[in-house]
């Protein structure tokens, strides 16, 4: 049950890439990777080690300019059962229709979720994962990032990119995310070098964010 106004250790918006570059197999691997990471014992231990022993999680899918959508609204995670409930809600949610590639608009949407949700916390994190650069945002990623950082939020990123993969501009995706997407105290970008490496990378990222 959600206690309105409850203070948690952290609020985390997971912003998943559902753009046109993500085929159905890759989409399912992302969903399953997030579900596995959220329920992993090491992630639960990281949550329980915090002062209040609980975090809030919401999940959005992004892609189309101005079109990111909530697929899992705010849920509280404090133990195995509550983490499993979030994972089941994530796996059951239908895929939203998205084109590509508006990371800045996803950051903007996530910031409103953090400000307007039922929970509060000092640590406010937007967690972007994607396999491509920001290309069509109505609010470009660096501008959206700078706004949310001024509001006390942190943006981290996971680049889903094979070794040696570069953007159309010839830049490694990780470098693009480091320059244009992440921001705030301690912000970082990690890379999953294959779609099947996602669960490990997501788990490591969640532990780093929550420990």
N, C-alpha and C. Protein backbone atom coordinates (compact mmCIF):
# COMPACT_ATOMS: atom_id res chain seq x y z
N UNK A 1 0.84 -1.19 0.00
CA UNK A 1 0.00 0.00 0.00
C UNK A 1 0.87 1.24 0.00
N UNK A 2 0.43 2.27 -0.68
CA UNK A 2 1.16 3.52 -0.74
C UNK A 2 0.68 4.44 0.36
N UNK A 3 1.62 4.91 1.19
CA UNK A 3 1.31 5.91 2.19
C UNK A 3 1.62 7.28 1.60
N UNK A 4 0.61 8.09 1.38
CA UNK A 4 0.80 9.38 0.73
C UNK A 4 1.80 10.22 1.50
N UNK A 5 2.79 10.75 0.81
CA UNK A 5 3.79 11.59 1.43
C UNK A 5 4.88 10.85 2.16
N UNK A 6 4.91 9.52 2.08
CA UNK A 6 5.93 8.76 2.77
C UNK A 6 7.32 9.14 2.26
N UNK A 7 8.26 9.28 3.19
CA UNK A 7 9.64 9.60 2.83
C UNK A 7 10.42 8.30 2.68
N UNK A 8 11.05 8.11 1.52
CA UNK A 8 11.84 6.91 1.24
C UNK A 8 13.31 7.30 1.09
N UNK A 9 14.16 6.29 0.94
CA UNK A 9 15.59 6.57 0.77
C UNK A 9 15.91 7.15 -0.59
N UNK A 10 15.21 6.72 -1.62
CA UNK A 10 15.49 7.19 -2.97
C UNK A 10 14.26 6.98 -3.83
N UNK A 11 14.12 7.84 -4.84
CA UNK A 11 13.11 7.67 -5.88
C UNK A 11 13.85 7.48 -7.19
N UNK A 12 13.44 6.45 -7.92
CA UNK A 12 14.15 6.05 -9.13
C UNK A 12 13.16 5.89 -10.27
N UNK A 13 13.34 6.67 -11.34
CA UNK A 13 12.56 6.49 -12.56
C UNK A 13 13.44 5.76 -13.56
N UNK A 14 13.01 4.56 -13.95
CA UNK A 14 13.71 3.80 -14.97
C UNK A 14 13.13 4.18 -16.32
N UNK A 15 13.95 4.74 -17.19
CA UNK A 15 13.50 5.21 -18.50
C UNK A 15 14.04 4.26 -19.56
N UNK A 16 13.19 3.37 -20.06
CA UNK A 16 13.57 2.31 -20.99
C UNK A 16 13.40 2.73 -22.43
N UNK A 17 14.35 2.37 -23.25
CA UNK A 17 14.30 2.63 -24.69
C UNK A 17 13.31 1.65 -25.34
N UNK A 18 12.24 2.20 -25.94
CA UNK A 18 11.29 1.38 -26.71
C UNK A 18 11.18 1.93 -28.12
N UNK A 19 12.23 2.59 -28.58
CA UNK A 19 12.21 3.28 -29.87
C UNK A 19 12.25 2.29 -31.02
N UNK A 20 12.22 2.83 -32.23
CA UNK A 20 12.15 1.99 -33.42
C UNK A 20 13.36 1.10 -33.64
N UNK A 21 14.48 1.40 -32.99
CA UNK A 21 15.68 0.57 -33.15
C UNK A 21 15.64 -0.69 -32.29
N UNK A 22 14.66 -0.78 -31.40
CA UNK A 22 14.56 -1.92 -30.48
C UNK A 22 13.57 -2.93 -31.06
N UNK A 23 14.08 -4.06 -31.55
CA UNK A 23 13.16 -5.08 -32.07
C UNK A 23 12.54 -5.86 -30.91
N UNK A 24 11.61 -6.77 -31.21
CA UNK A 24 10.85 -7.43 -30.15
C UNK A 24 11.74 -8.28 -29.25
N UNK A 25 12.72 -8.95 -29.83
CA UNK A 25 13.62 -9.77 -28.99
C UNK A 25 14.42 -8.88 -28.04
N UNK A 26 14.94 -7.78 -28.55
CA UNK A 26 15.69 -6.86 -27.71
C UNK A 26 14.80 -6.22 -26.65
N UNK A 27 13.57 -5.91 -27.05
CA UNK A 27 12.61 -5.34 -26.10
C UNK A 27 12.37 -6.29 -24.93
N UNK A 28 12.15 -7.56 -25.22
CA UNK A 28 11.90 -8.54 -24.16
C UNK A 28 13.13 -8.71 -23.29
N UNK A 29 14.32 -8.70 -23.89
CA UNK A 29 15.54 -8.81 -23.09
C UNK A 29 15.69 -7.63 -22.13
N UNK A 30 15.31 -6.43 -22.58
CA UNK A 30 15.34 -5.27 -21.69
C UNK A 30 14.39 -5.46 -20.52
N UNK A 31 13.15 -5.80 -20.82
CA UNK A 31 12.15 -5.98 -19.77
C UNK A 31 12.61 -7.04 -18.77
N UNK A 32 13.05 -8.18 -19.30
CA UNK A 32 13.47 -9.27 -18.43
C UNK A 32 14.72 -8.88 -17.64
N UNK A 33 15.62 -8.10 -18.26
CA UNK A 33 16.82 -7.65 -17.57
C UNK A 33 16.49 -6.76 -16.39
N UNK A 34 15.57 -5.82 -16.59
CA UNK A 34 15.14 -4.96 -15.49
C UNK A 34 14.48 -5.79 -14.39
N UNK A 35 13.60 -6.70 -14.76
CA UNK A 35 12.90 -7.51 -13.77
C UNK A 35 13.90 -8.33 -12.95
N UNK A 36 14.87 -8.93 -13.64
CA UNK A 36 15.88 -9.74 -12.94
C UNK A 36 16.73 -8.87 -12.01
N UNK A 37 17.12 -7.69 -12.49
CA UNK A 37 17.96 -6.82 -11.67
C UNK A 37 17.23 -6.35 -10.42
N UNK A 38 15.97 -5.94 -10.57
CA UNK A 38 15.22 -5.41 -9.44
C UNK A 38 14.99 -6.45 -8.35
N UNK A 39 14.92 -7.71 -8.72
CA UNK A 39 14.64 -8.77 -7.74
C UNK A 39 15.89 -9.50 -7.27
N UNK A 40 17.06 -9.09 -7.75
CA UNK A 40 18.29 -9.80 -7.39
C UNK A 40 18.60 -9.57 -5.91
N UNK A 41 19.06 -10.61 -5.21
CA UNK A 41 19.35 -10.46 -3.78
C UNK A 41 20.31 -9.33 -3.45
N UNK A 42 21.29 -9.07 -4.31
CA UNK A 42 22.24 -8.01 -4.02
C UNK A 42 21.60 -6.63 -4.11
N UNK A 43 20.63 -6.47 -5.01
CA UNK A 43 19.90 -5.20 -5.10
C UNK A 43 18.99 -5.04 -3.90
N UNK A 44 18.29 -6.09 -3.50
CA UNK A 44 17.44 -6.02 -2.30
C UNK A 44 18.29 -5.69 -1.08
N UNK A 45 19.47 -6.30 -0.98
CA UNK A 45 20.36 -6.02 0.16
C UNK A 45 20.78 -4.55 0.17
N UNK A 46 21.07 -4.00 -1.03
CA UNK A 46 21.45 -2.59 -1.11
C UNK A 46 20.31 -1.69 -0.64
N UNK A 47 19.08 -2.03 -1.02
CA UNK A 47 17.92 -1.25 -0.57
C UNK A 47 17.75 -1.34 0.94
N UNK A 48 17.84 -2.54 1.48
CA UNK A 48 17.60 -2.75 2.90
C UNK A 48 18.71 -2.16 3.78
N UNK A 49 19.87 -1.91 3.16
CA UNK A 49 20.98 -1.33 3.92
C UNK A 49 20.81 0.16 4.15
N UNK A 50 19.88 0.78 3.45
CA UNK A 50 19.67 2.22 3.59
C UNK A 50 18.94 2.54 4.88
N UNK A 51 18.89 3.80 5.22
CA UNK A 51 18.32 4.24 6.50
C UNK A 51 16.88 3.79 6.70
N UNK A 52 16.05 3.98 5.67
CA UNK A 52 14.63 3.61 5.78
C UNK A 52 14.33 2.24 5.19
N UNK A 53 15.26 1.71 4.44
CA UNK A 53 15.09 0.38 3.89
C UNK A 53 14.04 0.27 2.81
N UNK A 54 13.79 1.38 2.08
CA UNK A 54 12.75 1.35 1.05
C UNK A 54 13.03 2.43 0.01
N UNK A 55 12.71 2.10 -1.24
CA UNK A 55 12.81 3.07 -2.34
C UNK A 55 11.49 3.06 -3.12
N UNK A 56 11.30 4.10 -3.93
CA UNK A 56 10.17 4.14 -4.85
C UNK A 56 10.68 4.01 -6.28
N UNK A 57 9.95 3.23 -7.09
CA UNK A 57 10.35 2.99 -8.47
C UNK A 57 9.16 3.23 -9.39
N UNK A 58 9.40 3.94 -10.48
CA UNK A 58 8.44 4.06 -11.58
C UNK A 58 9.20 3.75 -12.87
N UNK A 59 8.47 3.28 -13.89
CA UNK A 59 9.12 2.91 -15.15
C UNK A 59 8.39 3.60 -16.30
N UNK A 60 9.16 4.23 -17.18
CA UNK A 60 8.60 4.80 -18.40
C UNK A 60 9.30 4.19 -19.60
N UNK A 61 8.61 4.20 -20.74
CA UNK A 61 9.21 3.88 -22.03
C UNK A 61 9.30 5.14 -22.85
N UNK A 62 10.42 5.31 -23.55
CA UNK A 62 10.62 6.51 -24.35
C UNK A 62 10.96 6.13 -25.78
N UNK A 63 10.83 7.11 -26.63
CA UNK A 63 11.12 6.95 -28.05
C UNK A 63 10.65 8.18 -28.79
N UNK A 64 9.34 8.28 -29.01
CA UNK A 64 8.78 9.37 -29.80
C UNK A 64 8.99 10.72 -29.13
N UNK A 65 9.20 11.78 -29.92
CA UNK A 65 9.28 13.12 -29.35
C UNK A 65 8.02 13.45 -28.55
N UNK A 66 8.20 13.80 -27.30
CA UNK A 66 7.07 14.12 -26.43
C UNK A 66 6.18 12.96 -26.11
N UNK A 67 6.59 11.72 -26.44
CA UNK A 67 5.68 10.59 -26.36
C UNK A 67 6.01 9.54 -25.32
N UNK A 68 6.95 9.80 -24.41
CA UNK A 68 7.25 8.78 -23.40
C UNK A 68 6.03 8.53 -22.53
N UNK A 69 5.87 7.29 -22.09
CA UNK A 69 4.68 6.88 -21.34
C UNK A 69 5.06 6.06 -20.12
N UNK A 70 4.27 6.24 -19.05
CA UNK A 70 4.45 5.44 -17.84
C UNK A 70 3.91 4.04 -18.10
N UNK A 71 4.73 3.03 -17.82
CA UNK A 71 4.24 1.66 -17.92
C UNK A 71 4.11 1.00 -16.55
N UNK A 72 4.84 1.49 -15.55
CA UNK A 72 4.65 1.08 -14.16
C UNK A 72 4.67 2.35 -13.32
N UNK A 73 3.51 2.68 -12.73
CA UNK A 73 3.45 3.87 -11.88
C UNK A 73 4.13 3.56 -10.55
N UNK A 74 4.28 4.57 -9.72
CA UNK A 74 5.09 4.46 -8.51
C UNK A 74 4.71 3.25 -7.66
N UNK A 75 5.75 2.47 -7.32
CA UNK A 75 5.60 1.35 -6.41
C UNK A 75 6.76 1.40 -5.42
N UNK A 76 6.53 0.88 -4.25
CA UNK A 76 7.51 0.89 -3.16
C UNK A 76 8.20 -0.47 -3.12
N UNK A 77 9.54 -0.46 -3.01
CA UNK A 77 10.30 -1.70 -2.87
C UNK A 77 11.05 -1.67 -1.54
N UNK A 78 10.80 -2.69 -0.72
CA UNK A 78 11.50 -2.79 0.57
C UNK A 78 11.95 -4.21 0.87
N UNK A 79 11.50 -5.18 0.07
CA UNK A 79 11.84 -6.58 0.34
C UNK A 79 11.61 -7.40 -0.93
N UNK A 80 11.81 -8.72 -0.81
CA UNK A 80 11.67 -9.60 -1.97
C UNK A 80 10.28 -9.52 -2.59
N UNK A 81 9.26 -9.54 -1.73
CA UNK A 81 7.88 -9.58 -2.24
C UNK A 81 7.53 -8.31 -3.01
N UNK A 82 7.91 -7.16 -2.47
CA UNK A 82 7.57 -5.90 -3.16
C UNK A 82 8.38 -5.74 -4.44
N UNK A 83 9.63 -6.22 -4.45
CA UNK A 83 10.42 -6.18 -5.67
C UNK A 83 9.81 -7.09 -6.73
N UNK A 84 9.33 -8.26 -6.31
CA UNK A 84 8.70 -9.18 -7.25
C UNK A 84 7.43 -8.58 -7.83
N UNK A 85 6.69 -7.82 -7.03
CA UNK A 85 5.47 -7.17 -7.51
C UNK A 85 5.80 -6.15 -8.61
N UNK A 86 6.87 -5.40 -8.43
CA UNK A 86 7.29 -4.44 -9.46
C UNK A 86 7.71 -5.19 -10.72
N UNK A 87 8.48 -6.25 -10.56
CA UNK A 87 8.94 -7.03 -11.71
C UNK A 87 7.77 -7.60 -12.49
N UNK A 88 6.77 -8.13 -11.79
CA UNK A 88 5.60 -8.70 -12.46
C UNK A 88 4.81 -7.63 -13.20
N UNK A 89 4.67 -6.44 -12.58
CA UNK A 89 3.96 -5.34 -13.25
C UNK A 89 4.70 -4.92 -14.51
N UNK A 90 6.02 -4.90 -14.45
CA UNK A 90 6.82 -4.53 -15.60
C UNK A 90 6.68 -5.54 -16.74
N UNK A 91 6.77 -6.81 -16.41
CA UNK A 91 6.69 -7.85 -17.44
C UNK A 91 5.29 -7.93 -18.06
N UNK A 92 4.27 -7.55 -17.29
CA UNK A 92 2.89 -7.65 -17.79
C UNK A 92 2.45 -6.44 -18.61
N UNK A 93 3.17 -5.32 -18.50
CA UNK A 93 2.74 -4.09 -19.18
C UNK A 93 2.90 -4.22 -20.69
N UNK A 94 1.89 -3.82 -21.46
CA UNK A 94 2.04 -3.86 -22.92
C UNK A 94 3.07 -2.84 -23.39
N UNK A 95 3.72 -3.16 -24.51
CA UNK A 95 4.68 -2.23 -25.10
C UNK A 95 3.96 -1.01 -25.64
N UNK A 96 4.52 0.17 -25.39
CA UNK A 96 3.91 1.39 -25.89
C UNK A 96 4.42 1.68 -27.31
N UNK A 97 3.59 2.30 -28.15
CA UNK A 97 4.03 2.63 -29.52
C UNK A 97 5.00 3.81 -29.49
N UNK A 98 6.19 3.62 -30.01
CA UNK A 98 7.22 4.67 -29.99
C UNK A 98 7.93 4.70 -31.34
N UNK A 99 8.33 5.91 -31.75
CA UNK A 99 9.25 6.03 -32.88
C UNK A 99 10.65 6.24 -32.29
N UNK A 100 11.43 7.22 -32.73
CA UNK A 100 12.73 7.45 -32.10
C UNK A 100 13.15 8.88 -32.32
N UNK A 101 14.13 9.39 -31.60
CA UNK A 101 14.84 8.95 -30.41
C UNK A 101 14.91 10.17 -29.51
N UNK A 102 14.01 10.34 -28.60
CA UNK A 102 13.85 11.58 -27.86
C UNK A 102 14.20 11.38 -26.39
N UNK A 103 15.49 11.33 -26.10
CA UNK A 103 15.94 11.12 -24.72
C UNK A 103 15.65 12.35 -23.86
N UNK A 104 15.84 13.54 -24.41
CA UNK A 104 15.58 14.75 -23.65
C UNK A 104 14.15 14.83 -23.16
N UNK A 105 13.20 14.45 -24.02
CA UNK A 105 11.80 14.47 -23.61
C UNK A 105 11.52 13.44 -22.52
N UNK A 106 12.22 12.31 -22.57
CA UNK A 106 12.07 11.30 -21.52
C UNK A 106 12.59 11.83 -20.18
N UNK A 107 13.71 12.53 -20.20
CA UNK A 107 14.25 13.12 -18.97
C UNK A 107 13.26 14.14 -18.40
N UNK A 108 12.69 14.95 -19.28
CA UNK A 108 11.72 15.95 -18.85
C UNK A 108 10.49 15.28 -18.21
N UNK A 109 9.97 14.24 -18.84
CA UNK A 109 8.83 13.51 -18.31
C UNK A 109 9.17 12.89 -16.96
N UNK A 110 10.33 12.26 -16.87
CA UNK A 110 10.74 11.61 -15.62
C UNK A 110 10.85 12.61 -14.48
N UNK A 111 11.30 13.82 -14.77
CA UNK A 111 11.44 14.82 -13.71
C UNK A 111 10.09 15.19 -13.13
N UNK A 112 9.06 15.24 -13.96
CA UNK A 112 7.72 15.53 -13.44
C UNK A 112 7.22 14.39 -12.57
N UNK A 113 7.51 13.15 -12.95
CA UNK A 113 7.13 12.03 -12.10
C UNK A 113 7.79 12.15 -10.73
N UNK A 114 9.06 12.49 -10.70
CA UNK A 114 9.77 12.61 -9.44
C UNK A 114 9.18 13.71 -8.56
N UNK A 115 8.75 14.78 -9.17
CA UNK A 115 8.24 15.92 -8.39
C UNK A 115 6.79 15.74 -7.96
N UNK A 116 6.03 14.96 -8.70
CA UNK A 116 4.59 14.93 -8.48
C UNK A 116 4.08 13.60 -7.94
N UNK A 117 4.96 12.65 -7.67
CA UNK A 117 4.55 11.33 -7.23
C UNK A 117 4.13 11.30 -5.77
N UNK A 118 3.73 10.12 -5.28
CA UNK A 118 3.20 10.00 -3.92
C UNK A 118 4.28 9.94 -2.84
N UNK A 119 5.55 9.77 -3.24
CA UNK A 119 6.63 9.65 -2.28
C UNK A 119 7.54 10.87 -2.35
N UNK A 120 8.39 11.00 -1.32
CA UNK A 120 9.46 11.99 -1.37
C UNK A 120 10.75 11.34 -0.90
N UNK A 121 11.88 11.92 -1.31
CA UNK A 121 13.19 11.42 -0.93
C UNK A 121 14.22 12.48 -1.26
N UNK A 122 15.35 12.43 -0.58
CA UNK A 122 16.43 13.36 -0.92
C UNK A 122 17.13 12.94 -2.19
N UNK A 123 17.23 11.64 -2.45
CA UNK A 123 17.92 11.13 -3.63
C UNK A 123 16.90 10.90 -4.74
N UNK A 124 17.00 11.67 -5.81
CA UNK A 124 16.07 11.61 -6.94
C UNK A 124 16.87 11.25 -8.19
N UNK A 125 16.60 10.08 -8.77
CA UNK A 125 17.43 9.56 -9.85
C UNK A 125 16.59 9.23 -11.07
N UNK A 126 17.06 9.68 -12.23
CA UNK A 126 16.51 9.29 -13.53
C UNK A 126 17.53 8.37 -14.18
N UNK A 127 17.08 7.19 -14.56
CA UNK A 127 17.98 6.13 -15.00
C UNK A 127 17.63 5.79 -16.45
N UNK A 128 18.39 6.36 -17.40
CA UNK A 128 18.10 6.21 -18.83
C UNK A 128 18.88 5.04 -19.40
N UNK A 129 18.21 4.14 -20.12
CA UNK A 129 18.91 3.12 -20.90
C UNK A 129 18.51 3.25 -22.35
N UNK A 130 19.47 3.04 -23.25
CA UNK A 130 19.15 3.16 -24.67
C UNK A 130 20.25 2.63 -25.55
N UNK A 131 19.90 2.39 -26.83
CA UNK A 131 20.90 1.89 -27.78
C UNK A 131 21.22 2.90 -28.86
N UNK A 132 20.80 4.15 -28.66
CA UNK A 132 21.08 5.18 -29.66
C UNK A 132 21.14 6.56 -29.03
N UNK A 133 21.58 7.56 -29.81
CA UNK A 133 21.72 8.92 -29.30
C UNK A 133 20.39 9.68 -29.29
N UNK A 134 20.40 10.82 -28.60
CA UNK A 134 19.27 11.73 -28.67
C UNK A 134 19.25 12.39 -30.05
N UNK A 135 18.10 12.30 -30.74
CA UNK A 135 18.06 12.84 -32.11
C UNK A 135 16.89 13.78 -32.35
N UNK A 136 15.73 13.55 -31.71
CA UNK A 136 14.53 14.28 -32.13
C UNK A 136 13.77 14.90 -30.98
N UNK A 137 14.42 15.10 -29.85
CA UNK A 137 13.71 15.64 -28.69
C UNK A 137 13.19 17.05 -28.95
N UNK A 138 11.99 17.32 -28.48
CA UNK A 138 11.48 18.68 -28.48
C UNK A 138 12.30 19.54 -27.53
N UNK A 139 12.79 18.91 -26.46
CA UNK A 139 13.70 19.55 -25.50
C UNK A 139 14.99 18.73 -25.52
N UNK A 140 16.04 19.18 -26.23
CA UNK A 140 17.24 18.37 -26.38
C UNK A 140 17.80 17.89 -25.04
N UNK A 141 18.43 16.72 -25.08
CA UNK A 141 18.88 16.07 -23.85
C UNK A 141 19.77 16.96 -22.98
N UNK A 142 20.77 17.67 -23.53
CA UNK A 142 21.60 18.49 -22.63
C UNK A 142 20.81 19.57 -21.90
N UNK A 143 19.81 20.15 -22.57
CA UNK A 143 19.00 21.19 -21.94
C UNK A 143 18.12 20.57 -20.85
N UNK A 144 17.44 19.46 -21.18
CA UNK A 144 16.61 18.78 -20.19
C UNK A 144 17.44 18.34 -18.99
N UNK A 145 18.62 17.77 -19.28
CA UNK A 145 19.52 17.33 -18.21
C UNK A 145 19.91 18.48 -17.29
N UNK A 146 20.30 19.61 -17.86
CA UNK A 146 20.73 20.75 -17.04
C UNK A 146 19.59 21.26 -16.16
N UNK A 147 18.38 21.25 -16.68
CA UNK A 147 17.22 21.72 -15.89
C UNK A 147 17.00 20.81 -14.69
N UNK A 148 16.99 19.49 -14.91
CA UNK A 148 16.69 18.59 -13.80
C UNK A 148 17.82 18.57 -12.78
N UNK A 149 19.06 18.74 -13.23
CA UNK A 149 20.18 18.80 -12.28
C UNK A 149 20.03 20.02 -11.37
N UNK A 150 19.59 21.14 -11.93
CA UNK A 150 19.36 22.33 -11.10
C UNK A 150 18.25 22.09 -10.08
N UNK A 151 17.38 21.14 -10.37
CA UNK A 151 16.30 20.80 -9.44
C UNK A 151 16.71 19.74 -8.43
N UNK A 152 17.98 19.38 -8.41
CA UNK A 152 18.47 18.44 -7.42
C UNK A 152 18.38 16.99 -7.82
N UNK A 153 18.17 16.71 -9.09
CA UNK A 153 18.06 15.34 -9.57
C UNK A 153 19.37 14.89 -10.20
N UNK A 154 19.54 13.58 -10.29
CA UNK A 154 20.71 12.99 -10.93
C UNK A 154 20.23 12.15 -12.11
N UNK A 155 20.93 12.25 -13.23
CA UNK A 155 20.64 11.43 -14.40
C UNK A 155 21.81 10.50 -14.66
N UNK A 156 21.57 9.19 -14.57
CA UNK A 156 22.55 8.17 -14.93
C UNK A 156 22.12 7.50 -16.23
N UNK A 157 23.02 6.76 -16.85
CA UNK A 157 22.68 6.15 -18.14
C UNK A 157 23.35 4.80 -18.31
N UNK A 158 22.67 3.96 -19.07
CA UNK A 158 23.22 2.69 -19.52
C UNK A 158 23.20 2.68 -21.04
N UNK A 159 24.37 2.62 -21.64
CA UNK A 159 24.50 2.54 -23.09
C UNK A 159 24.47 1.08 -23.51
N UNK A 160 23.48 0.70 -24.30
CA UNK A 160 23.38 -0.67 -24.81
C UNK A 160 24.07 -0.66 -26.16
N UNK A 161 25.33 -1.05 -26.18
CA UNK A 161 26.14 -0.88 -27.40
C UNK A 161 27.19 -1.97 -27.49
N UNK A 162 27.27 -2.59 -28.64
CA UNK A 162 28.33 -3.58 -28.88
C UNK A 162 29.69 -2.91 -28.88
N UNK A 163 30.71 -3.66 -28.55
CA UNK A 163 32.07 -3.12 -28.54
C UNK A 163 32.40 -2.53 -29.91
N UNK A 164 32.87 -1.29 -29.91
CA UNK A 164 33.25 -0.64 -31.14
C UNK A 164 32.11 0.09 -31.85
N UNK A 165 30.87 -0.07 -31.36
CA UNK A 165 29.73 0.59 -32.00
C UNK A 165 29.81 2.09 -31.78
N UNK A 166 29.48 2.85 -32.82
CA UNK A 166 29.52 4.31 -32.72
C UNK A 166 28.20 4.88 -33.25
N UNK A 167 27.93 6.13 -32.90
CA UNK A 167 26.77 6.84 -33.43
C UNK A 167 27.04 7.27 -34.86
N UNK A 168 26.03 7.84 -35.49
CA UNK A 168 26.20 8.32 -36.87
C UNK A 168 27.28 9.37 -36.97
N UNK A 169 27.52 10.07 -35.87
CA UNK A 169 28.57 11.09 -35.86
C UNK A 169 29.95 10.49 -35.59
N UNK A 170 30.03 9.16 -35.49
CA UNK A 170 31.31 8.50 -35.28
C UNK A 170 31.78 8.50 -33.84
N UNK A 171 30.87 8.75 -32.91
CA UNK A 171 31.20 8.85 -31.49
C UNK A 171 30.69 7.61 -30.74
N UNK A 172 31.48 7.02 -29.86
CA UNK A 172 30.96 5.93 -29.04
C UNK A 172 29.72 6.37 -28.27
N UNK A 173 28.72 5.49 -28.19
CA UNK A 173 27.46 5.86 -27.53
C UNK A 173 27.70 6.26 -26.08
N UNK A 174 28.61 5.56 -25.42
CA UNK A 174 28.91 5.90 -24.02
C UNK A 174 29.39 7.34 -23.89
N UNK A 175 30.20 7.80 -24.84
CA UNK A 175 30.69 9.18 -24.79
C UNK A 175 29.57 10.18 -25.04
N UNK A 176 28.66 9.85 -25.96
CA UNK A 176 27.50 10.71 -26.20
C UNK A 176 26.67 10.85 -24.94
N UNK A 177 26.43 9.72 -24.26
CA UNK A 177 25.63 9.78 -23.04
C UNK A 177 26.37 10.54 -21.94
N UNK A 178 27.69 10.38 -21.89
CA UNK A 178 28.46 11.08 -20.86
C UNK A 178 28.38 12.60 -21.08
N UNK A 179 28.44 13.04 -22.31
CA UNK A 179 28.43 14.48 -22.61
C UNK A 179 27.03 15.07 -22.54
N UNK A 180 26.03 14.37 -23.11
CA UNK A 180 24.72 14.98 -23.35
C UNK A 180 23.60 14.50 -22.44
N UNK A 181 23.79 13.40 -21.72
CA UNK A 181 22.67 12.80 -20.99
C UNK A 181 22.87 12.82 -19.48
N UNK A 182 24.00 12.35 -18.98
CA UNK A 182 24.14 12.23 -17.53
C UNK A 182 24.45 13.58 -16.89
N UNK A 183 24.14 13.68 -15.59
CA UNK A 183 24.44 14.90 -14.87
C UNK A 183 24.02 14.81 -13.42
N UNK A 184 24.61 15.67 -12.60
CA UNK A 184 24.32 15.69 -11.18
C UNK A 184 25.44 15.03 -10.39
N UNK A 185 25.44 15.21 -9.07
CA UNK A 185 26.52 14.67 -8.23
C UNK A 185 26.65 13.16 -8.37
N UNK A 186 27.86 12.72 -8.71
CA UNK A 186 28.12 11.29 -8.82
C UNK A 186 27.54 10.62 -10.05
N UNK A 187 27.04 11.38 -11.02
CA UNK A 187 26.41 10.78 -12.21
C UNK A 187 27.40 9.93 -12.98
N UNK A 188 26.90 8.86 -13.57
CA UNK A 188 27.78 7.95 -14.30
C UNK A 188 27.04 7.30 -15.45
N UNK A 189 27.82 6.76 -16.39
CA UNK A 189 27.29 5.97 -17.50
C UNK A 189 28.00 4.63 -17.51
N UNK A 190 27.24 3.56 -17.74
CA UNK A 190 27.80 2.23 -17.88
C UNK A 190 27.41 1.69 -19.25
N UNK A 191 28.09 0.64 -19.70
CA UNK A 191 27.81 0.06 -21.00
C UNK A 191 27.52 -1.43 -20.86
N UNK A 192 26.46 -1.87 -21.54
CA UNK A 192 26.20 -3.30 -21.74
C UNK A 192 26.63 -3.60 -23.16
N UNK A 193 27.63 -4.46 -23.32
CA UNK A 193 28.21 -4.67 -24.64
C UNK A 193 27.44 -5.67 -25.49
N UNK A 194 26.40 -6.24 -24.93
CA UNK A 194 25.48 -7.06 -25.71
C UNK A 194 24.12 -6.99 -25.05
N UNK A 195 23.09 -7.30 -25.82
CA UNK A 195 21.75 -7.30 -25.24
C UNK A 195 21.67 -8.28 -24.08
N UNK A 196 22.36 -9.41 -24.20
CA UNK A 196 22.29 -10.42 -23.15
C UNK A 196 23.15 -10.07 -21.94
N UNK A 197 23.91 -9.01 -22.03
CA UNK A 197 24.69 -8.51 -20.89
C UNK A 197 23.87 -7.53 -20.06
N UNK A 198 22.64 -7.28 -20.48
CA UNK A 198 21.83 -6.25 -19.83
C UNK A 198 21.59 -6.50 -18.35
N UNK A 199 21.19 -7.71 -18.00
CA UNK A 199 20.84 -7.98 -16.59
C UNK A 199 22.02 -7.70 -15.67
N UNK A 200 23.22 -8.16 -16.07
CA UNK A 200 24.40 -7.90 -15.25
C UNK A 200 24.66 -6.40 -15.12
N UNK A 201 24.60 -5.68 -16.25
CA UNK A 201 24.88 -4.25 -16.23
C UNK A 201 23.83 -3.49 -15.42
N UNK A 202 22.57 -3.84 -15.59
CA UNK A 202 21.51 -3.17 -14.84
C UNK A 202 21.65 -3.43 -13.35
N UNK A 203 21.97 -4.65 -13.00
CA UNK A 203 22.15 -4.99 -11.59
C UNK A 203 23.30 -4.18 -10.99
N UNK A 204 24.43 -4.13 -11.70
CA UNK A 204 25.57 -3.36 -11.20
C UNK A 204 25.23 -1.88 -11.07
N UNK A 205 24.44 -1.37 -12.01
CA UNK A 205 24.07 0.04 -11.97
C UNK A 205 23.15 0.34 -10.79
N UNK A 206 22.17 -0.52 -10.56
CA UNK A 206 21.26 -0.31 -9.43
C UNK A 206 22.01 -0.37 -8.10
N UNK A 207 22.92 -1.32 -7.97
CA UNK A 207 23.68 -1.41 -6.72
C UNK A 207 24.52 -0.16 -6.52
N UNK A 208 25.14 0.33 -7.59
CA UNK A 208 25.96 1.55 -7.47
C UNK A 208 25.09 2.74 -7.09
N UNK A 209 23.89 2.83 -7.64
CA UNK A 209 23.01 3.96 -7.33
C UNK A 209 22.48 3.89 -5.90
N UNK A 210 22.27 2.70 -5.39
CA UNK A 210 21.56 2.55 -4.11
C UNK A 210 22.48 2.32 -2.93
N UNK A 211 23.73 1.94 -3.18
CA UNK A 211 24.63 1.64 -2.04
C UNK A 211 25.19 2.92 -1.42
